[in-house]
Amino acid sequence: MGPHPQRPAGAHSQAPVGPYDPQPGQPAAPYPYDRQQPLHPQPYAADPGCRLCGARPAVQATVRGHQGLFLLMRFLSRSGTFCRSCGLATYREMSAKTLWQGWWSPLSVVVTPVTLLMNLGPRSRFRKLAAPVGGFGPSLDPGRSLPRRPVALLFLMPMALVVLAIPTLFVLGAFVEGAGIGQAPTLAVGDCVRNEGDWEDQDLEIVDCGSADAEYKVTRRLDTSKDVCADGELLADLTYSPDRMTISCLAPAR
């Protein structure tokens, strides 16, 4: 190897000069960063894991439930971080109990469907997670989905009854109207009637004039505004006339 270059007398060895170190003969300048701190930011805190088994990945969620107790109600919830398996198990358990416990008070008929719909949000978040790994214990078994559980029938039965009740009411209404059930009878001159109510709320029924039930007999109809009933006769309600506009006069049958 060749000889080292001669160093001038009185010269001292110097450390390499960094980009922020003061140059020889210049005052020291403050560093733009603390050399003790890392140049790159530290990563965020690790995922805390599932609250039930410690597995990851996990997501923060709140699963809700409802109980109807005749005149009282209970609003239930479970909050925390859940992995896929534990989250779906919690969702299915809370929703299944709500399906058969949530209908037994007047307001619960409205609250229960709302609670079940709110649980669809956490369910969607759980289903998007990957399979859980690395927990301190086994994850919960989600079990069968809600439509495959017997409690789902308790929800489907009242819904089916509501769906069937609507056309049934229309059919019954058409039958009653066609058969004349519940309608006031049309009185004709010469008919005998019996009043099952009072005269402010008449309930006239046509009967045989020769029977003991005959109380009044229709003597005439008032076709014009000048017509009047005879003294001692009563006025039948307009609902018993054929056009719902004329009045029938009723005289005592005996």
Protein backbone atom coordinates (compact mmCIF):
# COMPACT_ATOMS: atom_id res chain seq x y z
CA MET A 1 0.00 0.00 0.00
CA GLY A 2 1.16 3.54 -0.67
CA PRO A 3 2.15 5.93 2.07
CA HIS A 4 -0.58 7.88 3.80
CA PRO A 5 -0.73 11.57 2.93
CA GLN A 6 1.10 13.73 5.36
CA ARG A 7 -1.13 15.56 7.85
CA PRO A 8 -0.18 19.20 8.50
CA ALA A 9 1.44 19.85 11.83
CA GLY A 10 -0.96 20.84 14.59
CA ALA A 11 -3.96 19.45 12.74
CA HIS A 12 -6.44 17.34 14.70
CA SER A 13 -8.64 14.55 13.42
CA GLN A 14 -12.25 15.58 12.97
CA ALA A 15 -15.45 13.50 12.89
CA PRO A 16 -17.47 13.57 9.69
CA VAL A 17 -19.65 16.60 9.42
CA GLY A 18 -23.39 15.86 9.13
CA PRO A 19 -25.87 17.97 7.20
CA TYR A 20 -27.11 19.67 10.38
CA ASP A 21 -23.78 19.85 12.22
CA PRO A 22 -22.18 23.31 12.51
CA GLN A 23 -19.46 23.94 10.00
CA PRO A 24 -15.98 24.87 11.30
CA GLY A 25 -15.95 28.47 12.37
CA GLN A 26 -19.80 28.76 12.51
CA PRO A 27 -22.01 28.92 15.62
CA ALA A 28 -24.04 25.83 16.49
CA ALA A 29 -27.60 25.90 15.13
CA PRO A 30 -30.56 24.09 16.71
CA TYR A 31 -31.39 20.77 15.15
CA PRO A 32 -34.76 20.59 13.36
CA TYR A 33 -35.55 17.35 15.21
CA ASP A 34 -34.55 15.56 18.33
CA ARG A 35 -31.93 12.98 17.51
CA GLN A 36 -33.26 10.79 20.30
CA GLN A 37 -36.67 10.49 18.58
CA PRO A 38 -37.18 8.10 15.66
CA LEU A 39 -37.52 9.56 12.19
CA HIS A 40 -40.68 7.51 11.47
CA PRO A 41 -43.89 7.56 13.52
CA GLN A 42 -44.61 4.59 15.72
CA PRO A 43 -47.52 2.34 14.68
CA TYR A 44 -50.82 2.63 16.52
CA ALA A 45 -51.66 0.41 19.46
CA ALA A 46 -52.32 -3.18 18.51
CA ASP A 47 -55.87 -4.50 17.98
CA PRO A 48 -57.19 -5.31 21.51
CA GLY A 49 -58.84 -8.46 20.20
CA CYS A 50 -62.21 -10.02 20.92
CA ARG A 51 -63.59 -9.35 24.40
CA LEU A 52 -64.72 -12.99 24.70
CA CYS A 53 -61.83 -15.01 23.24
CA GLY A 54 -59.06 -12.48 22.50
CA ALA A 55 -58.86 -13.47 18.83
CA ARG A 56 -58.16 -11.02 16.00
CA PRO A 57 -59.36 -9.33 13.90
CA ALA A 58 -62.14 -7.82 15.99
CA VAL A 59 -64.54 -4.93 15.55
CA GLN A 60 -66.35 -2.64 17.98
CA ALA A 61 -70.13 -3.19 17.95
CA THR A 62 -73.30 -3.13 20.06
CA VAL A 63 -75.84 -5.94 19.76
CA ARG A 64 -79.32 -5.24 21.15
CA GLY A 65 -82.21 -7.27 22.52
CA HIS A 66 -85.75 -6.59 23.79
CA GLN A 67 -88.19 -8.20 26.20
CA GLY A 68 -91.87 -7.38 26.54
CA LEU A 69 -93.29 -7.96 30.04
CA PHE A 70 -97.01 -7.20 29.66
CA LEU A 71 -97.06 -3.57 30.87
CA LEU A 72 -93.25 -3.29 31.16
CA MET A 73 -90.33 -3.55 28.74
CA ARG A 74 -86.61 -4.33 29.00
CA PHE A 75 -84.00 -2.98 26.59
CA LEU A 76 -80.87 -5.18 26.48
CA SER A 77 -77.47 -4.64 24.86
CA ARG A 78 -73.96 -6.11 24.69
CA SER A 79 -71.13 -3.80 23.64
CA GLY A 80 -67.44 -4.35 23.02
CA THR A 81 -65.01 -5.76 20.46
CA PHE A 82 -66.05 -9.03 18.84
CA CYS A 83 -64.37 -11.37 16.41
CA ARG A 84 -66.36 -12.91 13.56
CA SER A 85 -67.43 -16.06 15.41
CA CYS A 86 -68.21 -14.45 18.78
CA GLY A 87 -69.97 -11.53 17.11
CA LEU A 88 -72.26 -13.73 15.02
CA ALA A 89 -72.95 -15.96 18.05
CA THR A 90 -73.92 -12.91 20.14
CA TYR A 91 -76.06 -11.47 17.34
CA ARG A 92 -77.94 -14.74 16.81
CA GLU A 93 -78.46 -15.34 20.53
CA MET A 94 -79.78 -11.83 21.25
CA SER A 95 -81.97 -11.75 18.13
CA ALA A 96 -83.35 -15.26 18.75
CA LYS A 97 -84.39 -14.35 22.29
CA THR A 98 -85.95 -11.14 21.04
CA LEU A 99 -88.01 -13.10 18.51
CA TRP A 100 -89.91 -14.96 21.23
CA GLN A 101 -89.55 -12.61 24.23
CA GLY A 102 -90.13 -9.28 22.52
CA TRP A 103 -93.85 -9.34 21.70
CA TRP A 104 -95.50 -9.48 25.11
CA SER A 105 -96.38 -5.83 25.74
CA PRO A 106 -98.38 -3.31 23.67
CA LEU A 107 -95.44 -1.10 22.65
CA SER A 108 -93.15 -4.09 22.14
CA VAL A 109 -95.04 -4.92 18.96
CA VAL A 110 -93.34 -1.86 17.46
CA VAL A 111 -90.05 -1.98 19.39
CA THR A 112 -89.24 -5.61 18.56
CA PRO A 113 -89.06 -5.19 14.75
CA VAL A 114 -86.98 -2.03 15.19
CA THR A 115 -84.54 -3.88 17.48
CA LEU A 116 -84.15 -6.72 14.98
CA LEU A 117 -83.48 -4.25 12.17
CA MET A 118 -80.85 -2.40 14.24
CA ASN A 119 -78.97 -5.68 14.76
CA LEU A 120 -78.48 -6.06 11.01
CA GLY A 121 -75.75 -3.38 11.16
CA PRO A 122 -73.46 -5.28 13.60
CA ARG A 123 -74.23 -8.53 11.77
CA SER A 124 -72.93 -7.04 8.51
CA ARG A 125 -69.73 -5.86 10.22
CA PHE A 126 -69.10 -9.28 11.77
CA ARG A 127 -69.56 -11.08 8.45
CA LYS A 128 -66.93 -8.89 6.79
CA LEU A 129 -64.21 -9.97 9.26
CA ALA A 130 -61.69 -12.69 8.50
CA ALA A 131 -61.63 -15.92 10.47
CA PRO A 132 -60.46 -15.31 14.09
CA VAL A 133 -56.91 -16.31 15.06
CA GLY A 134 -54.60 -15.96 18.04
CA GLY A 135 -57.09 -15.86 20.89
CA PHE A 136 -56.46 -16.79 24.51
CA GLY A 137 -59.50 -19.11 24.39
CA PRO A 138 -61.87 -20.78 21.92
CA SER A 139 -64.31 -18.57 20.03
CA LEU A 140 -68.06 -19.00 20.48
CA ASP A 141 -69.92 -21.24 18.06
CA PRO A 142 -72.34 -19.08 16.01
CA GLY A 143 -74.70 -22.04 15.58
CA ARG A 144 -77.51 -22.13 13.06
CA SER A 145 -78.68 -18.98 11.33
CA LEU A 146 -81.90 -17.34 12.56
CA PRO A 147 -84.19 -18.60 9.74
CA ARG A 148 -83.17 -22.18 10.59
CA ARG A 149 -84.05 -21.88 14.28
CA PRO A 150 -87.45 -22.83 15.73
CA VAL A 151 -87.89 -19.38 17.31
CA ALA A 152 -88.12 -17.92 13.82
CA LEU A 153 -91.58 -19.50 13.58
CA LEU A 154 -92.74 -17.29 16.45
CA PHE A 155 -91.90 -14.29 14.29
CA LEU A 156 -93.25 -15.73 11.03
CA MET A 157 -96.58 -16.84 12.53
CA PRO A 158 -97.83 -13.37 13.60
CA MET A 159 -96.54 -11.90 10.34
CA ALA A 160 -98.40 -14.60 8.38
CA LEU A 161 -101.57 -13.94 10.39
CA VAL A 162 -101.37 -10.23 9.60
CA VAL A 163 -100.86 -10.93 5.89
CA LEU A 164 -103.79 -13.37 5.82
CA ALA A 165 -106.05 -11.18 7.94
CA ILE A 166 -106.16 -8.32 5.43
CA PRO A 167 -107.72 -10.25 2.50
CA THR A 168 -109.90 -12.20 4.96
CA LEU A 169 -111.43 -8.97 6.25
CA PHE A 170 -112.19 -7.83 2.71
CA VAL A 171 -113.88 -11.15 1.91
CA LEU A 172 -115.94 -11.06 5.11
CA GLY A 173 -116.93 -7.46 4.48
CA ALA A 174 -118.13 -8.27 0.97
CA PHE A 175 -120.07 -11.29 2.25
CA VAL A 176 -121.76 -9.33 5.04
CA GLU A 177 -122.67 -6.52 2.69
CA GLY A 178 -124.04 -8.91 0.07
CA ALA A 179 -126.05 -10.89 2.60
CA GLY A 180 -127.42 -7.79 4.25
CA ILE A 181 -126.13 -8.82 7.66
CA GLY A 182 -126.12 -5.93 10.09
CA GLN A 183 -128.09 -3.65 7.77
CA ALA A 184 -131.35 -1.99 8.78
CA PRO A 185 -134.42 -3.64 7.21
CA THR A 186 -136.47 -1.66 4.71
CA LEU A 187 -140.00 -1.07 6.04
CA ALA A 188 -143.04 -1.30 3.82
CA VAL A 189 -146.55 -0.11 4.59
CA GLY A 190 -148.31 -2.89 6.48
CA ASP A 191 -145.19 -4.38 8.09
CA CYS A 192 -145.17 -5.02 11.82
CA VAL A 193 -142.02 -4.38 13.83
CA ARG A 194 -140.54 -4.81 17.26
CA ASN A 195 -138.09 -2.29 18.70
CA GLU A 196 -135.13 -3.91 20.47
CA GLY A 197 -133.67 -0.53 21.46
CA ASP A 198 -134.99 2.87 22.48
CA TRP A 199 -136.37 5.60 20.22
CA GLU A 200 -133.18 7.60 20.24
CA ASP A 201 -131.27 4.55 19.05
CA GLN A 202 -133.85 2.44 17.24
CA ASP A 203 -133.29 -1.24 16.52
CA LEU A 204 -136.39 -2.26 14.57
CA GLU A 205 -136.99 -5.86 13.56
CA ILE A 206 -139.78 -6.98 11.20
CA VAL A 207 -142.02 -9.62 12.82
CA ASP A 208 -145.30 -11.40 12.03
CA CYS A 209 -148.22 -9.11 12.67
CA GLY A 210 -150.14 -11.96 14.32
CA SER A 211 -147.39 -12.74 16.82
CA ALA A 212 -147.09 -11.41 20.33
CA ASP A 213 -143.81 -9.71 19.38
CA ALA A 214 -145.55 -7.21 17.10
CA GLU A 215 -145.42 -3.81 18.81
CA TYR A 216 -145.94 -1.34 15.91
CA LYS A 217 -147.35 -1.37 12.41
CA VAL A 218 -146.26 0.80 9.46
CA THR A 219 -149.27 2.84 8.43
CA ARG A 220 -147.85 5.20 5.80
CA ARG A 221 -144.78 6.98 4.44
CA LEU A 222 -144.36 10.73 4.46
CA ASP A 223 -143.58 11.35 0.78
CA THR A 224 -143.75 15.16 0.93
CA SER A 225 -142.78 17.76 3.47
CA LYS A 226 -146.48 18.54 4.02
CA ASP A 227 -147.36 14.99 5.08
CA VAL A 228 -147.55 14.28 8.79
CA CYS A 229 -148.19 11.22 10.88
CA ALA A 230 -151.44 10.83 12.78
CA ASP A 231 -151.69 11.64 16.45
CA GLY A 232 -150.14 8.95 18.64
CA GLU A 233 -147.96 7.53 15.84
CA LEU A 234 -144.21 7.34 16.09
CA LEU A 235 -141.57 8.12 13.47
CA ALA A 236 -139.22 5.43 12.22
CA ASP A 237 -135.62 6.34 11.57
CA LEU A 238 -134.62 7.27 8.01
CA THR A 239 -132.34 4.22 7.80
CA TYR A 240 -135.47 2.00 7.57
CA SER A 241 -136.78 3.67 4.40
CA PRO A 242 -135.81 2.40 0.92
CA ASP A 243 -134.19 5.69 -0.12
CA ARG A 244 -132.94 6.70 3.36
CA MET A 245 -134.87 9.96 2.88
CA THR A 246 -138.52 9.26 3.71
CA ILE A 247 -140.07 8.69 7.12
CA SER A 248 -142.41 5.82 8.01
CA CYS A 249 -145.23 6.25 10.51
CA LEU A 250 -145.62 3.58 13.18
CA ALA A 251 -148.86 3.01 15.03
CA PRO A 252 -149.23 0.70 18.02
CA ALA A 253 -150.13 -2.79 16.82
CA ARG A 254 -152.58 -3.32 19.70
